[in-house]
Amino acid sequence: MKFLMILNDPPYGTERVYNGLRLATNLLVKHDEAEMSLFLMGDSASAAKSGQKTPNGYYNIERMLDHLIRKGASAKVCGTCMDARGLSDSELIEGVTRSTMDELTELTFNADKVLVF
């Protein structure tokens, strides 16, 4: 089954991105047939920034995204949202790519289920 997860909130301050990534991880770990595409837009574009430092004992979105990518998920970030936040391609976590609304449209059309956080 193909899943598309669209994340909108900032990586920290609310727990929507955290909880979305937790669900994405569980889907990939518990169901071998699951395919996961992540699309970060709006304030969640900052979740794809490499070099995140969080206090000990606090979740780290960069590590969570990296784990998902290593598990086979694809991760894309809205290019317009990146530009609006001054985020360059070179600042992205390895494996995360700049994307477009056209690509999101295709991911949505081809997904069996779309989850929005």
N, C-alpha and C. Protein backbone atom coordinates (compact mmCIF):
# COMPACT_ATOMS: atom_id res chain seq x y z
N MET A 1 0.84 -1.17 0.00
CA MET A 1 0.00 0.00 0.00
C MET A 1 0.89 1.24 0.00
N LYS A 2 0.53 2.21 -0.82
CA LYS A 2 1.31 3.45 -0.92
C LYS A 2 0.69 4.54 -0.05
N PHE A 3 1.50 5.07 0.86
CA PHE A 3 1.07 6.14 1.74
C PHE A 3 1.78 7.44 1.35
N LEU A 4 1.05 8.52 1.40
CA LEU A 4 1.62 9.86 1.28
C LEU A 4 1.28 10.58 2.57
N MET A 5 2.31 11.07 3.26
CA MET A 5 2.10 11.85 4.47
C MET A 5 2.53 13.28 4.19
N ILE A 6 1.59 14.21 4.35
CA ILE A 6 1.86 15.62 4.15
C ILE A 6 1.97 16.28 5.52
N LEU A 7 3.12 16.88 5.77
CA LEU A 7 3.37 17.55 7.05
C LEU A 7 3.34 19.06 6.83
N ASN A 8 2.72 19.80 7.75
CA ASN A 8 2.55 21.24 7.61
C ASN A 8 3.13 22.06 8.75
N ASP A 9 3.18 21.50 9.95
CA ASP A 9 3.55 22.27 11.14
C ASP A 9 5.07 22.38 11.29
N PRO A 10 5.52 23.31 12.14
CA PRO A 10 6.96 23.41 12.40
C PRO A 10 7.45 22.15 13.11
N PRO A 11 8.75 21.86 12.99
CA PRO A 11 9.27 20.63 13.60
C PRO A 11 9.20 20.63 15.12
N TYR A 12 9.23 21.78 15.72
CA TYR A 12 9.18 21.89 17.18
C TYR A 12 8.15 22.95 17.55
N GLY A 13 7.58 22.83 18.73
CA GLY A 13 6.57 23.78 19.18
C GLY A 13 5.19 23.14 19.24
N THR A 14 4.90 22.28 18.27
CA THR A 14 3.73 21.40 18.33
C THR A 14 4.29 19.99 18.16
N GLU A 15 3.46 19.01 18.32
CA GLU A 15 3.97 17.64 18.16
C GLU A 15 3.39 16.96 16.92
N ARG A 16 2.82 17.73 16.00
CA ARG A 16 2.22 17.12 14.81
C ARG A 16 3.26 16.44 13.93
N VAL A 17 4.38 17.10 13.66
CA VAL A 17 5.42 16.49 12.83
C VAL A 17 5.97 15.26 13.54
N TYR A 18 6.25 15.39 14.80
CA TYR A 18 6.74 14.26 15.61
C TYR A 18 5.79 13.08 15.53
N ASN A 19 4.50 13.32 15.74
CA ASN A 19 3.53 12.23 15.72
C ASN A 19 3.34 11.66 14.32
N GLY A 20 3.39 12.50 13.31
CA GLY A 20 3.31 12.02 11.94
C GLY A 20 4.47 11.10 11.61
N LEU A 21 5.67 11.49 12.02
CA LEU A 21 6.85 10.67 11.76
C LEU A 21 6.82 9.38 12.57
N ARG A 22 6.26 9.43 13.75
CA ARG A 22 6.10 8.20 14.55
C ARG A 22 5.19 7.22 13.82
N LEU A 23 4.08 7.73 13.29
CA LEU A 23 3.15 6.87 12.55
C LEU A 23 3.81 6.33 11.28
N ALA A 24 4.51 7.18 10.55
CA ALA A 24 5.20 6.74 9.33
C ALA A 24 6.18 5.62 9.65
N THR A 25 6.92 5.78 10.73
CA THR A 25 7.88 4.75 11.15
C THR A 25 7.17 3.44 11.45
N ASN A 26 6.10 3.50 12.22
CA ASN A 26 5.36 2.29 12.57
C ASN A 26 4.80 1.59 11.34
N LEU A 27 4.29 2.36 10.39
CA LEU A 27 3.75 1.75 9.17
C LEU A 27 4.84 1.00 8.41
N LEU A 28 6.03 1.60 8.31
CA LEU A 28 7.12 0.93 7.59
C LEU A 28 7.68 -0.28 8.35
N VAL A 29 7.75 -0.17 9.67
CA VAL A 29 8.32 -1.25 10.47
C VAL A 29 7.36 -2.44 10.56
N LYS A 30 6.08 -2.18 10.69
CA LYS A 30 5.12 -3.26 10.94
C LYS A 30 4.50 -3.85 9.67
N HIS A 31 4.68 -3.19 8.52
CA HIS A 31 4.07 -3.67 7.28
C HIS A 31 5.09 -3.61 6.15
N ASP A 32 5.63 -4.76 5.81
CA ASP A 32 6.66 -4.83 4.77
C ASP A 32 6.18 -4.29 3.43
N GLU A 33 4.90 -4.40 3.15
CA GLU A 33 4.36 -3.96 1.86
C GLU A 33 4.10 -2.45 1.81
N ALA A 34 4.28 -1.76 2.91
CA ALA A 34 4.01 -0.31 2.95
C ALA A 34 5.11 0.46 2.23
N GLU A 35 4.70 1.45 1.44
CA GLU A 35 5.60 2.41 0.81
C GLU A 35 5.22 3.78 1.35
N MET A 36 6.21 4.57 1.76
CA MET A 36 5.94 5.85 2.39
C MET A 36 6.61 6.99 1.63
N SER A 37 5.81 7.99 1.29
CA SER A 37 6.33 9.25 0.75
C SER A 37 5.96 10.34 1.74
N LEU A 38 6.94 11.17 2.08
CA LEU A 38 6.72 12.30 2.97
C LEU A 38 6.86 13.57 2.17
N PHE A 39 5.94 14.51 2.37
CA PHE A 39 6.03 15.81 1.71
C PHE A 39 5.90 16.88 2.78
N LEU A 40 6.95 17.68 2.93
CA LEU A 40 6.99 18.73 3.94
C LEU A 40 6.67 20.05 3.28
N MET A 41 5.67 20.74 3.80
CA MET A 41 5.32 22.05 3.25
C MET A 41 5.01 23.01 4.38
N GLY A 42 4.91 24.28 4.04
CA GLY A 42 4.67 25.30 5.06
C GLY A 42 5.81 25.28 6.06
N ASP A 43 5.46 25.43 7.33
CA ASP A 43 6.47 25.49 8.39
C ASP A 43 7.24 24.19 8.57
N SER A 44 6.70 23.08 8.08
CA SER A 44 7.43 21.82 8.25
C SER A 44 8.65 21.75 7.33
N ALA A 45 8.80 22.68 6.40
CA ALA A 45 10.00 22.71 5.55
C ALA A 45 11.25 22.77 6.43
N SER A 46 11.16 23.47 7.57
CA SER A 46 12.32 23.56 8.48
C SER A 46 12.68 22.22 9.11
N ALA A 47 11.76 21.26 9.08
CA ALA A 47 12.05 19.94 9.64
C ALA A 47 13.12 19.23 8.84
N ALA A 48 13.34 19.65 7.60
CA ALA A 48 14.32 19.00 6.73
C ALA A 48 15.71 19.62 6.83
N LYS A 49 15.89 20.59 7.73
CA LYS A 49 17.19 21.25 7.88
C LYS A 49 18.15 20.34 8.64
N SER A 50 19.33 20.18 8.09
CA SER A 50 20.33 19.35 8.76
C SER A 50 20.99 20.11 9.90
N GLY A 51 21.60 19.38 10.82
CA GLY A 51 22.31 20.00 11.94
C GLY A 51 21.43 20.40 13.10
N GLN A 52 20.26 19.78 13.24
CA GLN A 52 19.37 20.12 14.36
C GLN A 52 19.98 19.66 15.67
N LYS A 53 19.93 20.54 16.65
CA LYS A 53 20.43 20.22 17.98
C LYS A 53 19.29 20.38 18.98
N THR A 54 19.02 19.30 19.69
CA THR A 54 17.95 19.32 20.69
C THR A 54 18.53 18.89 22.03
N PRO A 55 17.89 19.28 23.13
CA PRO A 55 18.36 18.88 24.45
C PRO A 55 18.31 17.36 24.61
N ASN A 56 19.18 16.83 25.43
CA ASN A 56 19.16 15.40 25.74
C ASN A 56 17.78 15.00 26.23
N GLY A 57 17.30 13.88 25.74
CA GLY A 57 16.00 13.38 26.16
C GLY A 57 14.85 13.93 25.35
N TYR A 58 15.11 14.86 24.41
CA TYR A 58 14.08 15.46 23.58
C TYR A 58 14.15 14.85 22.20
N TYR A 59 13.01 14.63 21.57
CA TYR A 59 13.04 14.04 20.22
C TYR A 59 13.77 14.95 19.25
N ASN A 60 14.35 14.34 18.21
CA ASN A 60 15.09 15.07 17.20
C ASN A 60 14.51 14.69 15.84
N ILE A 61 13.88 15.65 15.18
CA ILE A 61 13.21 15.41 13.91
C ILE A 61 14.20 14.99 12.82
N GLU A 62 15.39 15.56 12.82
CA GLU A 62 16.40 15.18 11.83
C GLU A 62 16.70 13.69 11.91
N ARG A 63 16.91 13.18 13.12
CA ARG A 63 17.19 11.76 13.29
C ARG A 63 16.00 10.90 12.87
N MET A 64 14.80 11.37 13.16
CA MET A 64 13.60 10.62 12.79
C MET A 64 13.47 10.54 11.26
N LEU A 65 13.69 11.66 10.59
CA LEU A 65 13.62 11.67 9.13
C LEU A 65 14.70 10.78 8.52
N ASP A 66 15.90 10.87 9.05
CA ASP A 66 17.01 10.05 8.57
C ASP A 66 16.66 8.57 8.70
N HIS A 67 16.09 8.19 9.82
CA HIS A 67 15.70 6.79 10.05
C HIS A 67 14.67 6.35 9.00
N LEU A 68 13.69 7.20 8.73
CA LEU A 68 12.66 6.85 7.75
C LEU A 68 13.25 6.70 6.35
N ILE A 69 14.16 7.58 6.00
CA ILE A 69 14.81 7.50 4.69
C ILE A 69 15.59 6.19 4.58
N ARG A 70 16.30 5.83 5.65
CA ARG A 70 17.05 4.57 5.64
C ARG A 70 16.12 3.36 5.55
N LYS A 71 14.88 3.51 6.02
CA LYS A 71 13.88 2.44 5.94
C LYS A 71 13.19 2.41 4.56
N GLY A 72 13.56 3.35 3.68
CA GLY A 72 13.00 3.33 2.32
C GLY A 72 12.00 4.41 1.99
N ALA A 73 11.68 5.27 2.94
CA ALA A 73 10.74 6.36 2.67
C ALA A 73 11.40 7.40 1.76
N SER A 74 10.59 8.05 0.95
CA SER A 74 11.09 9.20 0.20
C SER A 74 10.63 10.46 0.94
N ALA A 75 11.47 11.48 0.95
CA ALA A 75 11.14 12.72 1.66
C ALA A 75 11.40 13.90 0.73
N LYS A 76 10.39 14.73 0.55
CA LYS A 76 10.48 15.87 -0.34
C LYS A 76 9.99 17.11 0.39
N VAL A 77 10.54 18.26 -0.02
CA VAL A 77 10.17 19.53 0.62
C VAL A 77 9.68 20.49 -0.46
N CYS A 78 8.63 21.19 -0.17
CA CYS A 78 8.10 22.22 -1.07
C CYS A 78 9.16 23.30 -1.30
N GLY A 79 9.57 23.48 -2.55
CA GLY A 79 10.59 24.47 -2.87
C GLY A 79 10.17 25.90 -2.57
N THR A 80 8.91 26.23 -2.83
CA THR A 80 8.41 27.57 -2.53
C THR A 80 8.45 27.82 -1.03
N CYS A 81 8.11 26.81 -0.25
CA CYS A 81 8.13 26.93 1.21
C CYS A 81 9.57 27.07 1.72
N MET A 82 10.50 26.36 1.07
CA MET A 82 11.92 26.51 1.43
C MET A 82 12.38 27.94 1.17
N ASP A 83 12.06 28.45 0.00
CA ASP A 83 12.47 29.81 -0.37
C ASP A 83 11.91 30.84 0.61
N ALA A 84 10.65 30.67 1.00
CA ALA A 84 10.02 31.61 1.92
C ALA A 84 10.68 31.62 3.29
N ARG A 85 11.37 30.53 3.62
CA ARG A 85 12.02 30.41 4.93
C ARG A 85 13.54 30.52 4.84
N GLY A 86 14.03 30.88 3.66
CA GLY A 86 15.47 31.06 3.48
C GLY A 86 16.27 29.78 3.59
N LEU A 87 15.66 28.66 3.26
CA LEU A 87 16.31 27.35 3.37
C LEU A 87 16.84 26.94 2.00
N SER A 88 18.13 26.66 1.91
CA SER A 88 18.73 26.28 0.64
C SER A 88 18.82 24.77 0.51
N ASP A 89 19.00 24.30 -0.72
CA ASP A 89 19.12 22.86 -0.98
C ASP A 89 20.29 22.25 -0.21
N SER A 90 21.38 23.00 -0.08
CA SER A 90 22.57 22.48 0.60
C SER A 90 22.36 22.30 2.10
N GLU A 91 21.31 22.87 2.65
CA GLU A 91 21.03 22.74 4.09
C GLU A 91 20.14 21.55 4.41
N LEU A 92 19.66 20.86 3.39
CA LEU A 92 18.72 19.75 3.62
C LEU A 92 19.44 18.52 4.15
N ILE A 93 18.72 17.75 4.93
CA ILE A 93 19.18 16.46 5.42
C ILE A 93 19.48 15.59 4.20
N GLU A 94 20.53 14.81 4.27
CA GLU A 94 20.87 13.92 3.17
C GLU A 94 19.69 12.99 2.87
N GLY A 95 19.33 12.91 1.60
CA GLY A 95 18.21 12.06 1.20
C GLY A 95 16.90 12.79 1.04
N VAL A 96 16.83 14.03 1.51
CA VAL A 96 15.63 14.85 1.35
C VAL A 96 15.85 15.74 0.12
N THR A 97 14.83 15.87 -0.73
CA THR A 97 14.98 16.66 -1.94
C THR A 97 13.95 17.77 -2.05
N ARG A 98 14.36 18.82 -2.72
CA ARG A 98 13.47 19.95 -3.03
C ARG A 98 12.44 19.45 -4.04
N SER A 99 11.20 19.93 -3.90
CA SER A 99 10.13 19.45 -4.77
C SER A 99 9.21 20.58 -5.19
N THR A 100 8.13 20.19 -5.87
CA THR A 100 7.19 21.16 -6.42
C THR A 100 5.74 20.73 -6.14
N MET A 101 4.82 21.63 -6.40
CA MET A 101 3.40 21.31 -6.28
C MET A 101 2.99 20.27 -7.32
N ASP A 102 3.63 20.31 -8.49
CA ASP A 102 3.33 19.29 -9.51
C ASP A 102 3.70 17.90 -9.01
N GLU A 103 4.85 17.79 -8.33
CA GLU A 103 5.26 16.49 -7.81
C GLU A 103 4.31 16.04 -6.69
N LEU A 104 3.89 16.98 -5.83
CA LEU A 104 2.92 16.64 -4.78
C LEU A 104 1.62 16.17 -5.40
N THR A 105 1.21 16.79 -6.48
CA THR A 105 -0.01 16.38 -7.18
C THR A 105 0.10 14.93 -7.65
N GLU A 106 1.22 14.57 -8.24
CA GLU A 106 1.43 13.20 -8.71
C GLU A 106 1.50 12.20 -7.55
N LEU A 107 2.19 12.58 -6.47
CA LEU A 107 2.27 11.71 -5.30
C LEU A 107 0.88 11.46 -4.72
N THR A 108 0.06 12.51 -4.69
CA THR A 108 -1.30 12.40 -4.16
C THR A 108 -2.15 11.49 -5.04
N PHE A 109 -2.06 11.69 -6.35
CA PHE A 109 -2.84 10.89 -7.29
C PHE A 109 -2.48 9.41 -7.21
N ASN A 110 -1.20 9.11 -7.00
CA ASN A 110 -0.73 7.72 -7.00
C ASN A 110 -0.81 7.04 -5.62
N ALA A 111 -1.11 7.79 -4.58
CA ALA A 111 -1.18 7.21 -3.23
C ALA A 111 -2.49 6.46 -3.01
N ASP A 112 -2.40 5.38 -2.24
CA ASP A 112 -3.61 4.68 -1.81
C ASP A 112 -4.26 5.41 -0.63
N LYS A 113 -3.41 6.00 0.21
CA LYS A 113 -3.90 6.75 1.38
C LYS A 113 -3.04 8.00 1.56
N VAL A 114 -3.71 9.11 1.85
CA VAL A 114 -3.03 10.38 2.11
C VAL A 114 -3.33 10.76 3.55
N LEU A 115 -2.27 11.00 4.31
CA LEU A 115 -2.37 11.39 5.72
C LEU A 115 -1.82 12.80 5.84
N VAL A 116 -2.54 13.67 6.55
CA VAL A 116 -2.12 15.06 6.67
C VAL A 116 -1.96 15.40 8.14
N PHE A 117 -0.78 15.92 8.49
CA PHE A 117 -0.48 16.35 9.86
C PHE A 117 -0.09 17.81 9.83
